[in-house]
Structures are given as structure tokens and as C-alpha cells.
Protein backbone atom coordinates (compact mmCIF):
# COMPACT_ATOMS: atom_id res chain seq x y z
CA UNK A 1 16.53 -3.19 -18.06
CA UNK A 2 18.22 -6.79 -16.45
CA UNK A 3 15.02 -7.96 -14.80
CA UNK A 4 12.92 -7.43 -18.68
CA UNK A 5 16.84 -8.33 -19.67
CA UNK A 6 16.12 -11.68 -18.16
CA UNK A 7 12.17 -12.37 -18.07
CA UNK A 8 12.32 -12.00 -21.51
CA UNK A 9 15.24 -14.95 -22.30
CA UNK A 10 13.05 -16.94 -19.77
CA UNK A 11 10.06 -16.43 -22.01
CA UNK A 12 12.00 -16.86 -25.12
CA UNK A 13 14.23 -19.95 -24.04
CA UNK A 14 10.59 -21.43 -22.69
CA UNK A 15 9.83 -22.72 -26.33
CA UNK A 16 12.72 -24.80 -25.54
CA UNK A 17 12.76 -25.92 -21.93
CA UNK A 18 8.72 -25.99 -21.49
CA UNK A 19 8.38 -26.17 -17.50
CA UNK A 20 8.81 -22.22 -16.00
CA UNK A 21 10.03 -24.33 -12.84
CA UNK A 22 13.67 -25.17 -15.10
CA UNK A 23 14.53 -21.68 -14.18
CA UNK A 24 15.86 -20.49 -11.02
CA UNK A 25 16.53 -16.22 -10.52
CA UNK A 26 19.37 -15.55 -8.26
CA UNK A 27 19.71 -12.25 -6.57
CA UNK A 28 21.60 -10.65 -3.69
CA UNK A 29 18.67 -8.78 -1.75
CA UNK A 30 15.22 -8.75 -0.80
CA UNK A 31 14.20 -5.58 -2.75
CA UNK A 32 15.82 -6.68 -5.33
CA UNK A 33 12.42 -9.36 -5.52
CA UNK A 34 9.95 -6.14 -7.10
CA UNK A 35 12.01 -5.47 -10.03
CA UNK A 36 11.79 -8.88 -11.24
CA UNK A 37 8.17 -9.66 -10.10
CA UNK A 38 7.50 -6.80 -12.38
CA UNK A 39 8.82 -7.77 -15.41
CA UNK A 40 7.44 -12.03 -14.94
CA UNK A 41 4.54 -10.46 -15.16
CA UNK A 42 4.70 -8.14 -17.68
CA UNK A 43 5.95 -11.68 -19.80
CA UNK A 44 2.86 -13.68 -17.98
CA UNK A 45 5.63 -15.51 -16.64
CA UNK A 46 4.35 -18.24 -13.09
CA UNK A 47 6.87 -17.05 -10.22
CA UNK A 48 7.06 -18.36 -6.66
CA UNK A 49 10.01 -16.36 -4.09
CA UNK A 50 10.92 -18.72 -1.65
CA UNK A 51 13.48 -17.74 1.20
CA UNK A 52 11.53 -13.84 1.13
CA UNK A 53 8.34 -12.09 0.75
CA UNK A 54 6.89 -10.98 -2.22
CA UNK A 55 6.86 -7.01 -2.99
CA UNK A 56 2.88 -6.91 -2.45
CA UNK A 57 2.65 -9.41 0.63
CA UNK A 58 5.26 -6.91 3.20
CA UNK A 59 3.47 -5.04 5.50
CA UNK A 60 3.63 -1.53 4.23
CA UNK A 61 2.88 -2.13 0.99
CA UNK A 62 0.01 -3.60 2.13
CA UNK A 63 -0.65 -0.19 4.19
CA UNK A 64 -0.34 2.35 1.51
CA UNK A 65 -1.96 0.05 -0.04
CA UNK A 66 -4.43 0.80 2.09
CA UNK A 67 -4.61 3.96 2.66
CA UNK A 68 -4.86 4.53 -0.41
CA UNK A 69 -8.09 2.31 -1.06
CA UNK A 70 -9.43 4.84 1.37
CA UNK A 71 -8.30 8.10 -0.15
CA UNK A 72 -10.43 6.29 -3.15
CA UNK A 73 -13.59 5.41 -1.39
CA UNK A 74 -13.67 7.01 2.27
CA UNK A 75 -16.38 4.03 3.45
CA UNK A 76 -14.03 0.73 2.44
CA UNK A 77 -13.89 -0.38 6.42
CA UNK A 78 -11.95 -3.49 5.48
CA UNK A 79 -8.85 -0.80 4.52
CA UNK A 80 -9.32 1.71 7.41
CA UNK A 81 -9.62 -1.41 9.95
CA UNK A 82 -5.47 -2.05 8.28
CA UNK A 83 -5.02 2.16 9.23
CA UNK A 84 -6.23 2.34 12.49
CA UNK A 85 -4.29 -0.80 13.53
CA UNK A 86 -1.51 -0.31 11.35
CA UNK A 87 -0.84 2.91 10.55
CA UNK A 88 -2.26 5.34 13.37
CA UNK A 89 -1.41 4.93 17.14
CA UNK A 90 -3.22 4.78 19.73
CA UNK A 91 -6.48 3.74 18.96
CA UNK A 92 -7.86 0.86 20.38
CA UNK A 93 -11.09 -1.36 18.57
CA UNK A 94 -13.35 0.74 21.55
CA UNK A 95 -12.43 4.08 19.79
CA UNK A 96 -11.95 2.40 15.83
CA UNK A 97 -16.01 1.24 16.85
CA UNK A 98 -17.10 4.63 17.50
CA UNK A 99 -15.55 5.56 14.24
CA UNK A 100 -17.19 2.90 12.32
CA UNK A 101 -20.65 3.18 13.70
CA UNK A 102 -20.45 7.07 13.05
CA UNK A 103 -19.41 6.66 9.80
CA UNK A 104 -22.07 5.06 9.24
CA UNK A 105 -24.34 7.36 11.14
CA UNK A 106 -23.56 9.74 8.24
CA UNK A 107 -24.74 10.07 5.02
CA UNK A 108 -21.49 11.56 3.82
CA UNK A 109 -20.50 9.87 0.49
CA UNK A 110 -16.67 11.75 1.79
CA UNK A 111 -17.67 11.09 5.80
CA UNK A 112 -13.84 11.05 6.64
CA UNK A 113 -13.62 14.46 5.18
CA UNK A 114 -15.98 15.11 7.61
CA UNK A 115 -15.32 17.69 10.42
CA UNK A 116 -17.28 16.39 13.22
CA UNK A 117 -16.18 13.35 12.30
CA UNK A 118 -12.64 13.04 14.92
CA UNK A 119 -15.03 14.79 16.97
CA UNK A 120 -16.27 11.27 18.35
CA UNK A 121 -12.65 10.62 19.83
CA UNK A 122 -10.69 11.70 22.10
CA UNK A 123 -6.77 12.65 23.52
CA UNK A 124 -4.09 10.98 21.34
CA UNK A 125 -6.61 8.65 19.52
CA UNK A 126 -8.35 12.18 17.79
CA UNK A 127 -5.16 13.28 17.68
CA UNK A 128 -3.92 10.42 15.20
CA UNK A 129 -7.18 9.67 14.01
CA UNK A 130 -7.38 13.66 12.39
CA UNK A 131 -3.91 13.28 10.52
CA UNK A 132 -5.89 10.32 8.32
CA UNK A 133 -8.58 13.11 8.02
CA UNK A 134 -6.16 15.60 7.64
CA UNK A 135 -4.52 13.77 4.42
CA UNK A 136 -7.92 13.05 3.07
CA UNK A 137 -8.79 16.66 3.39
CA UNK A 138 -6.11 17.91 1.76
CA UNK A 139 -4.35 15.51 -0.93
CA UNK A 140 -6.21 17.04 -4.20
CA UNK A 141 -7.74 13.69 -6.00
CA UNK A 142 -6.62 15.38 -9.88
CA UNK A 143 -2.90 14.67 -8.81
CA UNK A 144 -1.60 11.65 -10.51
CA UNK A 145 -1.50 8.60 -8.94
CA UNK A 146 2.38 8.53 -8.47
CA UNK A 147 1.75 11.65 -6.74
CA UNK A 148 -0.54 10.37 -4.00
CA UNK A 149 1.06 7.44 -3.69
CA UNK A 150 4.15 10.02 -2.86
CA UNK A 151 2.43 11.82 -0.98
CA UNK A 152 1.11 8.58 1.21
CA UNK A 153 4.69 7.76 1.53
CA UNK A 154 5.84 11.38 2.91
CA UNK A 155 3.04 11.97 5.19
CA UNK A 156 2.70 8.81 7.32
CA UNK A 157 6.89 8.07 7.49
CA UNK A 158 6.86 5.50 5.03
CA UNK A 159 9.60 7.26 3.58
CA UNK A 160 12.31 6.17 5.96
CA UNK A 161 12.21 2.46 4.69
CA UNK A 162 14.72 2.35 2.05
CA UNK A 163 13.04 0.41 -0.01
CA UNK A 164 10.32 2.94 -0.84
CA UNK A 165 12.37 5.39 -1.67
CA UNK A 166 14.61 3.28 -4.70
CA UNK A 167 11.53 2.34 -6.32
CA UNK A 168 9.50 5.03 -5.53
CA UNK A 169 12.32 7.69 -6.22
CA UNK A 170 11.49 10.00 -2.60
């Protein structure tokens, strides 16, 4: 409510002060930026964050979005590479190459659901990659988007990040 009030007030005052750069919003913690960003986007108010990182530019948010993208399109190689490098452990470039080559050879539209895919790896890399494939296999696309996001956050231990708990009320 506070962020919407501020955005609405800026929107109204913009008639008197035509430069959005005449306005500034100060907040105590970077965790508060997300609500203001959403409000400014809703009111089509351009903004710049100084001294912090935009919510959608944060590493953890990009990682969650990459998982969601792969959930929707299992052949999204850019997102898969981000997941392997940032979320999963024990998978190096050589192992990633094996996975990508195996996926390219498959005609499946959903290669991550193919039980043979993790078999191109061994040891820790196989176990780590199996974690991703198990998530893809066991998560129903019939869940609401909010439920899928919550499941991603919990399954991949993003819930340890305080601001995810705050924003998504897990």
C-alpha cells in the first residue's frame, strides 16, 4: 500500500513537475525496493536505483527465473547453463557438454524427463543433475504459477534467502 501510495502521488505530481528526476524515494533496506519497483512499473514511472541492485537483476532471482524457463522449455540451453553453473554443484563444463550433446541427440520435446539423460554423467555430477530432472518430472504444470515459484524456491533451497520469504510469503 505504501509503495502504491508513493507511486500514485508521484504520478499526480508529475503534472506540476514534468521531470521524473525531480523525485526521489528513500528507503532503509534494499529489500524494500521490490515493492516500489512494482508500483513504478504499474504506473509507468521510469526509475533508477542508486546504491542497490534491482530486484530482477539479483543473482538469486535470475537463477529462479532460469529454473522456471527450463520448466517451461526444457531445451532452453542458456537457462540450463545458468542452472548448472549457479544452482547445481559438481557439474563442470565437460559434464555440461555431455548433457547438451545428449539432449541434442534426443528427439524428445521434454528431454529432461527422459530417464536416460542423467546416465551420460557419473558420480556427483549425475546426482546433482538428477536433482534438476527429478524436479522437472515431479512438478505438475497444472499448478498455479505462484505454486510453481514456491516449489522452485523450496526445492532448490532459495527459501533461505530472507527477501524471498518476505515477498513470496513462504
